[in-house]
Amino acid sequence: QVQLVESGGGSVQAGGSLRLSCVASGYSISNRCMAWFRQAPGKEREVVAARDTGISRAHYNAAMKGRFTVSQDNAKNTVYLDLNSLKPEDTAMYYCAARGPSDVCGPIWYRISSYSHWGQGTQVTVSS
């Protein structure tokens, strides 16, 4: 059974940093498209970043590029999202998502419907 479990969320002040982790079980993160999304109260879910784990290539939402970094540790079967220079508007539930095996991110890496597996999310709260 495929399972994604996020952790690392919390409450920080503006300008602070957090590292979110997504541990996968039931399959390997190798050669997959893994992504992070977020959803703030009253807003639609939006993509933050994605990573082609087979070729270690990252894709970023242009609005967040430069502050957030997605990385992987195949040995730990984990994908990370480093959040830096956090702003109050980054407050949201952050979700990890994955596609099927050997599925590259491609041009629709940002599309919610292209991901088949989702975690339960981890809350990030940034205060001013």
C-alpha atoms as a PDB file:
ATOM      1  CA  GLN A   1       0.000   0.000   0.000  1.00  0.00           C
ATOM      2  CA  VAL A   2       1.416   3.357  -1.057  1.00  0.00           C
ATOM      3  CA  GLN A   3       1.649   5.853   1.770  1.00  0.00           C
ATOM      4  CA  LEU A   4       3.117   9.349   2.022  1.00  0.00           C
ATOM      5  CA  VAL A   5       3.696  10.896   5.427  1.00  0.00           C
ATOM      6  CA  GLU A   6       4.658  14.533   5.808  1.00  0.00           C
ATOM      7  CA  SER A   7       6.315  16.099   8.837  1.00  0.00           C
ATOM      8  CA  GLY A   8       8.298  19.151   9.824  1.00  0.00           C
ATOM      9  CA  GLY A   9       5.588  21.771   9.844  1.00  0.00           C
ATOM     10  CA  GLY A  10       5.192  24.211  12.693  1.00  0.00           C
ATOM     11  CA  SER A  11       4.865  27.816  13.731  1.00  0.00           C
ATOM     12  CA  VAL A  12       7.638  30.275  12.886  1.00  0.00           C
ATOM     13  CA  GLN A  13       8.085  34.011  12.655  1.00  0.00           C
ATOM     14  CA  ALA A  14       8.422  35.802   9.368  1.00  0.00           C
ATOM     15  CA  GLY A  15      11.911  35.381   7.961  1.00  0.00           C
ATOM     16  CA  GLY A  16      12.311  31.953   9.544  1.00  0.00           C
ATOM     17  CA  SER A  17      12.902  28.568   7.971  1.00  0.00           C
ATOM     18  CA  LEU A  18      11.467  25.077   8.086  1.00  0.00           C
ATOM     19  CA  ARG A  19      12.323  21.754   6.498  1.00  0.00           C
ATOM     20  CA  LEU A  20       9.400  19.574   5.521  1.00  0.00           C
ATOM     21  CA  SER A  21       9.869  15.859   4.968  1.00  0.00           C
ATOM     22  CA  CYS A  22       7.797  13.386   2.971  1.00  0.00           C
ATOM     23  CA  VAL A  23       8.559   9.754   3.732  1.00  0.00           C
ATOM     24  CA  ALA A  24       7.205   7.237   1.255  1.00  0.00           C
ATOM     25  CA  SER A  25       6.336   3.653   2.089  1.00  0.00           C
ATOM     26  CA  GLY A  26       5.031   0.875  -0.074  1.00  0.00           C
ATOM     27  CA  TYR A  27       7.167   1.929  -3.035  1.00  0.00           C
ATOM     28  CA  SER A  28      10.430   3.591  -3.977  1.00  0.00           C
ATOM     29  CA  ILE A  29      10.665   7.311  -4.725  1.00  0.00           C
ATOM     30  CA  SER A  30      13.244   6.532  -7.406  1.00  0.00           C
ATOM     31  CA  ASN A  31      12.242   7.425 -10.971  1.00  0.00           C
ATOM     32  CA  ARG A  32       9.056   9.226 -10.032  1.00  0.00           C
ATOM     33  CA  CYS A  33       7.628  12.681 -10.122  1.00  0.00           C
ATOM     34  CA  MET A  34       7.227  13.840  -6.512  1.00  0.00           C
ATOM     35  CA  ALA A  35       5.670  17.183  -5.678  1.00  0.00           C
ATOM     36  CA  TRP A  36       4.704  19.554  -2.923  1.00  0.00           C
ATOM     37  CA  PHE A  37       1.452  21.475  -2.915  1.00  0.00           C
ATOM     38  CA  ARG A  38      -0.079  23.838  -0.395  1.00  0.00           C
ATOM     39  CA  GLN A  39      -3.536  25.047   0.484  1.00  0.00           C
ATOM     40  CA  ALA A  40      -4.354  28.069   2.583  1.00  0.00           C
ATOM     41  CA  PRO A  41      -7.761  28.502   4.241  1.00  0.00           C
ATOM     42  CA  GLY A  42     -10.341  29.614   1.714  1.00  0.00           C
ATOM     43  CA  LYS A  43      -7.952  29.230  -1.201  1.00  0.00           C
ATOM     44  CA  GLU A  44      -7.370  26.618  -3.879  1.00  0.00           C
ATOM     45  CA  ARG A  45      -4.565  24.113  -3.625  1.00  0.00           C
ATOM     46  CA  GLU A  46      -1.482  25.267  -5.520  1.00  0.00           C
ATOM     47  CA  VAL A  47       1.754  23.666  -6.559  1.00  0.00           C
ATOM     48  CA  VAL A  48       4.928  24.658  -4.734  1.00  0.00           C
ATOM     49  CA  ALA A  49       7.556  22.480  -6.401  1.00  0.00           C
ATOM     50  CA  ALA A  50       8.134  19.119  -8.035  1.00  0.00           C
ATOM     51  CA  ARG A  51      11.108  16.872  -8.540  1.00  0.00           C
ATOM     52  CA  ASP A  52      11.988  14.266 -11.130  1.00  0.00           C
ATOM     53  CA  THR A  53      13.750  11.898  -8.752  1.00  0.00           C
ATOM     54  CA  GLY A  54      15.260   9.796 -11.533  1.00  0.00           C
ATOM     55  CA  ILE A  55      17.239  12.706 -12.966  1.00  0.00           C
ATOM     56  CA  SER A  56      17.230  14.976  -9.887  1.00  0.00           C
ATOM     57  CA  ARG A  57      15.574  17.850 -11.727  1.00  0.00           C
ATOM     58  CA  ALA A  58      13.405  20.332  -9.880  1.00  0.00           C
ATOM     59  CA  HIS A  59      10.491  22.489 -10.976  1.00  0.00           C
ATOM     60  CA  TYR A  60       9.261  25.484  -9.008  1.00  0.00           C
ATOM     61  CA  ASN A  61       6.258  27.729  -8.820  1.00  0.00           C
ATOM     62  CA  ALA A  62       7.747  30.989 -10.071  1.00  0.00           C
ATOM     63  CA  ALA A  63       6.228  32.892  -7.165  1.00  0.00           C
ATOM     64  CA  MET A  64       8.248  30.842  -4.682  1.00  0.00           C
ATOM     65  CA  LYS A  65      11.432  30.086  -6.573  1.00  0.00           C
ATOM     66  CA  GLY A  66      14.496  31.259  -4.736  1.00  0.00           C
ATOM     67  CA  ARG A  67      13.011  30.784  -1.290  1.00  0.00           C
ATOM     68  CA  PHE A  68      11.985  27.136  -1.449  1.00  0.00           C
ATOM     69  CA  THR A  69      14.113  24.124  -2.417  1.00  0.00           C
ATOM     70  CA  VAL A  70      12.982  20.561  -3.130  1.00  0.00           C
ATOM     71  CA  SER A  71      15.472  17.733  -2.694  1.00  0.00           C
ATOM     72  CA  GLN A  72      15.560  13.983  -2.214  1.00  0.00           C
ATOM     73  CA  ASP A  73      17.331  11.239  -0.278  1.00  0.00           C
ATOM     74  CA  ASN A  74      16.791   7.937  -2.059  1.00  0.00           C
ATOM     75  CA  ALA A  75      18.377   5.951   0.757  1.00  0.00           C
ATOM     76  CA  LYS A  76      15.756   7.315   3.158  1.00  0.00           C
ATOM     77  CA  ASN A  77      13.003   7.188   0.543  1.00  0.00           C
ATOM     78  CA  THR A  78      12.292  10.799   1.429  1.00  0.00           C
ATOM     79  CA  VAL A  79      11.632  14.037  -0.391  1.00  0.00           C
ATOM     80  CA  TYR A  80      12.286  17.335   1.356  1.00  0.00           C
ATOM     81  CA  LEU A  81      11.039  20.876   0.975  1.00  0.00           C
ATOM     82  CA  ASP A  82      13.210  23.578   2.509  1.00  0.00           C
ATOM     83  CA  LEU A  83      11.268  26.749   3.229  1.00  0.00           C
ATOM     84  CA  ASN A  84      13.360  29.885   3.740  1.00  0.00           C
ATOM     85  CA  SER A  85      12.556  33.566   4.241  1.00  0.00           C
ATOM     86  CA  LEU A  86       9.054  32.602   5.193  1.00  0.00           C
ATOM     87  CA  LYS A  87       6.243  35.133   4.937  1.00  0.00           C
ATOM     88  CA  PRO A  88       2.822  35.205   6.625  1.00  0.00           C
ATOM     89  CA  GLU A  89       1.263  34.451   3.226  1.00  0.00           C
ATOM     90  CA  ASP A  90       3.122  31.120   3.198  1.00  0.00           C
ATOM     91  CA  THR A  91       0.803  29.943   5.962  1.00  0.00           C
ATOM     92  CA  ALA A  92      -0.943  26.826   4.649  1.00  0.00           C
ATOM     93  CA  MET A  93      -1.260  23.084   4.848  1.00  0.00           C
ATOM     94  CA  TYR A  94       1.565  21.571   2.812  1.00  0.00           C
ATOM     95  CA  TYR A  95       0.960  18.284   1.006  1.00  0.00           C
ATOM     96  CA  CYS A  96       3.285  15.760  -0.573  1.00  0.00           C
ATOM     97  CA  ALA A  97       2.135  14.063  -3.775  1.00  0.00           C
ATOM     98  CA  ALA A  98       3.470  11.397  -6.102  1.00  0.00           C
ATOM     99  CA  ARG A  99       2.783   9.913  -9.493  1.00  0.00           C
ATOM    100  CA  GLY A 100       3.096   6.331 -10.621  1.00  0.00           C
ATOM    101  CA  PRO A 101       6.400   4.557 -11.287  1.00  0.00           C
ATOM    102  CA  SER A 102       8.656   5.801 -14.075  1.00  0.00           C
ATOM    103  CA  ASP A 103       6.426   8.798 -14.680  1.00  0.00           C
ATOM    104  CA  VAL A 104       8.422  11.980 -15.289  1.00  0.00           C
ATOM    105  CA  CYS A 105       7.011  15.329 -14.237  1.00  0.00           C
ATOM    106  CA  GLY A 106       6.873  16.723 -17.769  1.00  0.00           C
ATOM    107  CA  PRO A 107       5.130  19.937 -18.811  1.00  0.00           C
ATOM    108  CA  ILE A 108       2.117  19.325 -16.572  1.00  0.00           C
ATOM    109  CA  TRP A 109       4.168  18.977 -13.394  1.00  0.00           C
ATOM    110  CA  TYR A 110       1.962  21.617 -11.736  1.00  0.00           C
ATOM    111  CA  ARG A 111      -1.355  19.880 -12.368  1.00  0.00           C
ATOM    112  CA  ILE A 112      -3.091  18.508  -9.271  1.00  0.00           C
ATOM    113  CA  SER A 113      -4.996  15.847 -11.189  1.00  0.00           C
ATOM    114  CA  SER A 114      -1.762  14.322 -12.523  1.00  0.00           C
ATOM    115  CA  TYR A 115      -0.804  13.032  -9.059  1.00  0.00           C
ATOM    116  CA  SER A 116      -2.283   9.763  -7.821  1.00  0.00           C
ATOM    117  CA  HIS A 117      -0.948   9.582  -4.280  1.00  0.00           C
ATOM    118  CA  TRP A 118      -1.261  12.173  -1.538  1.00  0.00           C
ATOM    119  CA  GLY A 119      -0.193  12.590   2.050  1.00  0.00           C
ATOM    120  CA  GLN A 120      -2.306  14.008   4.871  1.00  0.00           C
ATOM    121  CA  GLY A 121      -0.388  17.262   5.029  1.00  0.00           C
ATOM    122  CA  THR A 122       1.652  19.209   7.558  1.00  0.00           C
ATOM    123  CA  GLN A 123       0.664  22.672   8.779  1.00  0.00           C
ATOM    124  CA  VAL A 124       2.963  25.665   8.380  1.00  0.00           C
ATOM    125  CA  THR A 125       2.035  28.858  10.211  1.00  0.00           C
ATOM    126  CA  VAL A 126       4.070  32.040   9.771  1.00  0.00           C
ATOM    127  CA  SER A 127       3.464  34.979  12.070  1.00  0.00           C
ATOM    128  CA  SER A 128       4.443  38.571  11.366  1.00  0.00           C
END
